[in-house]
Amino acid sequence: MHNVKQMSFIKSIKNSLDILNCFTPKTSEVGVTEISNKLGLSKSTVSRILSTLEKGNLVAKVPTNQKYRLGPKVLELASIFLSNTEWRQIAIPHLRDLRDKSDETITVFVIEGDHRVCLEKLDSSHEVRQFLNVGGRYPLHAGSAGKLLLAHLSREKRREILLKTGLPRFTPNTITNFKSLEKELNNICKEGYAVSHQERATFVSSVSAPIKDLKGEVIAALCLSGLTIRFTNEKMVEFIKLTKITAERISQELGYKKTQRPNGGH
């Protein structure tokens, strides 16, 4: 009898994990029927598990359509993972290597709400360099790291964020037209990296590449930035190559296999 209860408990945990895995960048909201059909579980089982997950803030019901989205606890757990010792031990050596090879400022950004947040920063040796704070919040539509993170969101989530924030202008080079931004984001997905020349801050250019988890989903943006005057055409080619290689190495150590098909928001 004890073994039967234990097996039932383990099965419930597995079903809970399977339900959480139904949420993807393309599918940020899912309903009971959708999950039931996808996993072959009864609607009553799905409803019961979702109710339990909701109590733990792992999911939240969307009032307008009665579907579910991931809850705030997931963001909290993701933040813990991204800032814990293991993640730093994996990333920091690669970030230092990139900083030393480029002698430019290296940062890592993640999405938090409708902005990007700087998780890590390694300064260049140049006397004049970009001013950024670890923990600082920055826009998503201006700057290579923000655009890269936006590009890999679902279209629904991207639209939700941009309708809320708008496209405020920071410099003459900031993209303030939705159609132009959409075209730029599509190119970023196609090329696998993003660039920016004085979009958020005057005289600053940057290159960013995606850091992916074991599912191939983009969890952070690796950014190399510095004064635009140093970002010559020749240097841009070098910086793009170095940044992409570094992001790929970090991703592989986080469990991502390059041969797999990555998920994305398009």
Protein backbone atom coordinates (compact mmCIF):
# COMPACT_ATOMS: atom_id res chain seq x y z
CA MET A 1 0.00 0.00 0.00
CA HIS A 2 2.85 2.32 0.87
CA ASN A 3 4.52 1.68 -2.50
CA VAL A 4 1.26 2.43 -4.34
CA LYS A 5 0.94 5.79 -2.55
CA GLN A 6 4.58 6.59 -3.23
CA MET A 7 4.21 5.78 -6.93
CA SER A 8 1.05 7.92 -7.09
CA PHE A 9 2.91 10.81 -5.44
CA ILE A 10 5.84 10.50 -7.87
CA LYS A 11 3.40 10.42 -10.80
CA SER A 12 1.75 13.61 -9.52
CA ILE A 13 5.13 15.33 -9.37
CA LYS A 14 5.93 14.20 -12.92
CA ASN A 15 2.55 15.47 -14.15
CA SER A 16 3.21 18.81 -12.42
CA LEU A 17 6.58 19.13 -14.17
CA ASP A 18 5.03 18.17 -17.52
CA ILE A 19 2.40 20.89 -17.05
CA LEU A 20 5.05 23.51 -16.23
CA ASN A 21 6.93 22.45 -19.37
CA CYS A 22 3.86 23.33 -21.46
CA PHE A 23 4.84 26.99 -20.99
CA THR A 24 7.29 28.17 -23.65
CA PRO A 25 8.34 31.52 -25.15
CA LYS A 26 5.80 30.82 -27.93
CA THR A 27 3.08 29.67 -25.53
CA SER A 28 3.12 31.95 -22.50
CA GLU A 29 -0.53 31.20 -21.62
CA VAL A 30 -2.22 27.78 -21.69
CA GLY A 31 -5.66 26.51 -20.76
CA VAL A 32 -6.85 23.37 -19.00
CA THR A 33 -8.22 21.78 -22.20
CA GLU A 34 -5.03 22.56 -24.12
CA ILE A 35 -2.86 20.92 -21.46
CA SER A 36 -5.25 17.98 -21.17
CA ASN A 37 -5.07 17.30 -24.91
CA LYS A 38 -1.32 17.74 -25.10
CA LEU A 39 -0.43 15.51 -22.13
CA GLY A 40 -3.29 13.02 -22.30
CA LEU A 41 -4.40 13.84 -18.76
CA SER A 42 -7.99 14.30 -17.63
CA LYS A 43 -9.23 17.86 -17.22
CA SER A 44 -9.94 17.21 -13.55
CA THR A 45 -6.32 16.10 -12.97
CA VAL A 46 -4.96 19.14 -14.82
CA SER A 47 -7.27 21.50 -12.90
CA ARG A 48 -6.26 19.98 -9.56
CA ILE A 49 -2.53 20.26 -10.29
CA LEU A 50 -2.87 23.82 -11.62
CA SER A 51 -4.77 24.78 -8.47
CA THR A 52 -1.91 23.44 -6.34
CA LEU A 53 0.71 25.20 -8.47
CA GLU A 54 -1.30 28.42 -8.23
CA LYS A 55 -1.23 28.26 -4.43
CA GLY A 56 2.55 28.04 -4.64
CA ASN A 57 2.68 31.04 -7.03
CA LEU A 58 4.24 28.85 -9.72
CA VAL A 59 1.33 29.65 -12.04
CA ALA A 60 -1.31 32.38 -12.08
CA LYS A 61 -4.75 32.50 -13.71
CA VAL A 62 -5.31 35.16 -16.37
CA PRO A 63 -8.66 36.81 -15.50
CA THR A 64 -9.50 37.81 -19.08
CA ASN A 65 -9.41 34.30 -20.60
CA GLN A 66 -9.21 31.90 -17.63
CA LYS A 67 -5.95 30.49 -18.97
CA TYR A 68 -2.78 30.16 -16.90
CA ARG A 69 0.62 31.80 -17.13
CA LEU A 70 3.79 31.26 -15.12
CA GLY A 71 3.69 32.87 -11.69
CA PRO A 72 6.13 35.15 -9.85
CA LYS A 73 7.76 32.23 -8.00
CA VAL A 74 9.25 31.04 -11.31
CA LEU A 75 10.98 34.40 -11.80
CA GLU A 76 12.28 34.22 -8.24
CA LEU A 77 13.68 30.73 -8.81
CA ALA A 78 15.17 31.78 -12.16
CA SER A 79 16.84 34.77 -10.50
CA ILE A 80 18.32 32.50 -7.85
CA PHE A 81 19.66 30.16 -10.52
CA LEU A 82 21.11 32.95 -12.63
CA SER A 83 22.82 34.56 -9.65
CA ASN A 84 23.99 31.48 -7.79
CA THR A 85 27.56 30.30 -7.40
CA GLU A 86 27.29 27.50 -9.94
CA TRP A 87 26.13 29.84 -12.71
CA ARG A 88 28.87 32.32 -11.88
CA GLN A 89 31.49 29.58 -11.78
CA ILE A 90 30.44 28.54 -15.27
CA ALA A 91 30.18 32.01 -16.80
CA ILE A 92 32.83 34.17 -15.11
CA PRO A 93 35.92 32.51 -16.66
CA HIS A 94 34.40 32.90 -20.13
CA LEU A 95 33.42 36.52 -19.42
CA ARG A 96 36.95 37.32 -18.27
CA ASP A 97 38.41 35.67 -21.36
CA LEU A 98 36.12 37.74 -23.59
CA ARG A 99 36.99 40.93 -21.70
CA ASP A 100 40.72 40.21 -21.96
CA LYS A 101 40.58 39.41 -25.68
CA SER A 102 38.46 42.44 -26.59
CA ASP A 103 39.46 44.88 -23.84
CA GLU A 104 35.86 46.12 -23.82
CA THR A 105 33.19 46.07 -21.09
CA ILE A 106 31.36 42.74 -20.77
CA THR A 107 27.87 42.49 -19.26
CA VAL A 108 25.10 39.90 -18.88
CA PHE A 109 21.42 40.91 -18.99
CA VAL A 110 18.14 39.12 -18.29
CA ILE A 111 14.54 40.23 -18.71
CA GLU A 112 12.73 41.29 -15.56
CA GLY A 113 9.21 42.54 -16.15
CA ASP A 114 9.30 45.04 -19.01
CA HIS A 115 13.01 45.92 -18.71
CA ARG A 116 16.38 44.21 -18.81
CA VAL A 117 18.52 43.94 -15.70
CA CYS A 118 22.31 43.76 -15.55
CA LEU A 119 23.41 40.64 -13.67
CA GLU A 120 27.16 40.80 -14.21
CA LYS A 121 29.70 43.35 -15.39
CA LEU A 122 33.43 43.20 -16.14
CA ASP A 123 35.04 46.54 -17.01
CA SER A 124 37.59 47.14 -19.74
CA SER A 125 40.93 48.76 -19.02
CA HIS A 126 40.05 51.90 -21.00
CA GLU A 127 39.88 55.13 -19.00
CA VAL A 128 36.75 56.18 -20.88
CA ARG A 129 34.08 53.46 -20.83
CA GLN A 130 30.36 52.92 -20.57
CA PHE A 131 28.70 53.50 -17.20
CA LEU A 132 26.49 50.57 -16.16
CA ASN A 133 25.42 49.22 -12.77
CA VAL A 134 24.94 45.60 -11.75
CA GLY A 135 21.26 45.44 -10.84
CA GLY A 136 20.51 48.44 -13.05
CA ARG A 137 17.35 48.38 -15.17
CA TYR A 138 17.53 49.35 -18.83
CA PRO A 139 15.10 49.47 -21.80
CA LEU A 140 14.52 46.50 -24.09
CA HIS A 141 14.10 48.31 -27.40
CA ALA A 142 17.33 50.33 -27.20
CA GLY A 143 20.72 48.61 -27.14
CA SER A 144 21.86 45.26 -28.52
CA ALA A 145 21.21 43.23 -25.34
CA GLY A 146 17.65 44.51 -25.00
CA LYS A 147 16.84 43.90 -28.66
CA LEU A 148 18.28 40.39 -28.50
CA LEU A 149 16.15 39.50 -25.47
CA LEU A 150 13.05 41.02 -27.12
CA ALA A 151 13.71 39.09 -30.32
CA HIS A 152 13.45 35.76 -28.52
CA LEU A 153 10.18 36.45 -26.71
CA SER A 154 6.86 35.21 -28.07
CA ARG A 155 5.14 37.78 -30.29
CA GLU A 156 2.36 38.05 -27.71
CA LYS A 157 4.73 38.78 -24.82
CA ARG A 158 6.77 41.19 -26.93
CA ARG A 159 3.63 43.09 -27.95
CA GLU A 160 2.42 43.19 -24.35
CA ILE A 161 5.69 44.74 -23.18
CA LEU A 162 6.02 47.26 -26.01
CA LEU A 163 2.43 48.44 -25.70
CA LYS A 164 3.16 49.13 -22.04
CA THR A 165 6.54 50.81 -22.41
CA GLY A 166 6.24 52.35 -25.87
CA LEU A 167 9.42 53.15 -27.80
CA PRO A 168 10.84 56.23 -26.08
CA ARG A 169 13.75 57.96 -27.79
CA PHE A 170 17.09 58.09 -25.96
CA THR A 171 19.31 59.23 -28.84
CA PRO A 172 18.81 60.12 -32.53
CA ASN A 173 19.60 56.44 -33.31
CA THR A 174 16.94 54.88 -31.07
CA ILE A 175 14.41 52.80 -33.02
CA THR A 176 11.02 54.40 -32.32
CA ASN A 177 8.96 52.79 -35.10
CA PHE A 178 7.29 49.44 -34.33
CA LYS A 179 7.58 48.15 -37.90
CA SER A 180 11.30 49.03 -38.06
CA LEU A 181 11.88 47.36 -34.69
CA GLU A 182 10.05 44.20 -35.79
CA LYS A 183 12.25 44.00 -38.89
CA GLU A 184 15.35 44.45 -36.73
CA LEU A 185 14.23 41.71 -34.32
CA ASN A 186 13.61 39.29 -37.18
CA ASN A 187 17.13 39.94 -38.47
CA ILE A 188 18.54 39.31 -34.99
CA CYS A 189 16.85 35.90 -34.85
CA LYS A 190 18.17 35.08 -38.30
CA GLU A 191 21.76 36.22 -37.67
CA GLY A 192 22.06 34.96 -34.08
CA TYR A 193 23.38 38.23 -32.66
CA ALA A 194 22.43 41.90 -32.21
CA VAL A 195 24.36 45.14 -32.66
CA SER A 196 23.73 48.70 -31.53
CA HIS A 197 25.38 51.98 -32.42
CA GLN A 198 24.47 54.82 -30.06
CA GLU A 199 20.86 53.66 -29.57
CA ARG A 200 20.60 54.04 -25.79
CA ALA A 201 23.64 56.13 -24.98
CA THR A 202 25.56 58.56 -27.19
CA PHE A 203 29.04 57.42 -28.28
CA VAL A 204 28.43 53.79 -27.17
CA SER A 205 28.21 50.71 -29.41
CA SER A 206 27.63 47.10 -28.46
CA VAL A 207 27.30 43.52 -29.68
CA SER A 208 25.17 40.85 -27.96
CA ALA A 209 24.69 37.09 -28.34
CA PRO A 210 22.23 34.70 -26.65
CA ILE A 211 22.98 32.47 -23.68
CA LYS A 212 20.70 29.42 -23.88
CA ASP A 213 19.58 26.79 -21.40
CA LEU A 214 19.43 23.03 -21.96
CA LYS A 215 16.13 23.42 -23.85
CA GLY A 216 17.67 25.91 -26.26
CA GLU A 217 15.66 28.81 -24.84
CA VAL A 218 17.38 32.18 -24.47
CA ILE A 219 17.78 32.98 -20.77
CA ALA A 220 20.25 35.88 -20.97
CA ALA A 221 22.12 38.20 -23.31
CA LEU A 222 25.90 38.40 -23.31
CA CYS A 223 26.92 41.93 -24.25
CA LEU A 224 30.26 43.46 -25.33
CA SER A 225 30.17 47.28 -25.29
CA GLY A 226 32.46 50.25 -25.63
CA LEU A 227 33.00 53.62 -27.29
CA THR A 228 31.69 53.73 -30.86
CA ILE A 229 34.99 55.17 -32.11
CA ARG A 230 36.66 51.83 -31.24
CA PHE A 231 33.98 49.78 -33.06
CA THR A 232 35.46 49.98 -36.56
CA ASN A 233 34.20 47.63 -39.30
CA GLU A 234 37.20 45.38 -38.74
CA LYS A 235 36.69 45.35 -34.97
CA MET A 236 32.97 44.68 -35.36
CA VAL A 237 33.67 41.45 -37.23
CA GLU A 238 36.06 40.39 -34.47
CA PHE A 239 33.71 41.41 -31.63
CA ILE A 240 30.72 39.60 -33.14
CA LYS A 241 32.74 36.41 -33.57
CA LEU A 242 34.19 36.53 -30.04
CA THR A 243 30.83 37.31 -28.41
CA LYS A 244 28.99 34.53 -30.26
CA ILE A 245 31.67 31.96 -29.45
CA THR A 246 31.69 32.95 -25.77
CA ALA A 247 27.88 32.79 -25.49
CA GLU A 248 27.89 29.37 -27.15
CA ARG A 249 30.50 28.04 -24.73
CA ILE A 250 28.56 29.25 -21.70
CA SER A 251 25.34 27.80 -23.14
CA GLN A 252 26.98 24.42 -23.72
CA GLU A 253 28.20 24.30 -20.12
CA LEU A 254 24.65 25.09 -18.99
CA GLY A 255 23.47 22.00 -20.88
CA TYR A 256 22.56 23.36 -24.31
CA LYS A 257 23.48 21.13 -27.22
CA LYS A 258 24.24 23.11 -30.34
CA THR A 259 22.82 20.46 -32.66
CA GLN A 260 19.32 20.77 -31.18
CA ARG A 261 16.68 23.07 -32.62
CA PRO A 262 16.42 26.16 -30.38
CA ASN A 263 13.11 27.59 -29.25
CA GLY A 264 12.34 31.22 -29.96
CA GLY A 265 9.70 33.84 -30.32
CA HIS A 266 9.08 33.55 -34.07
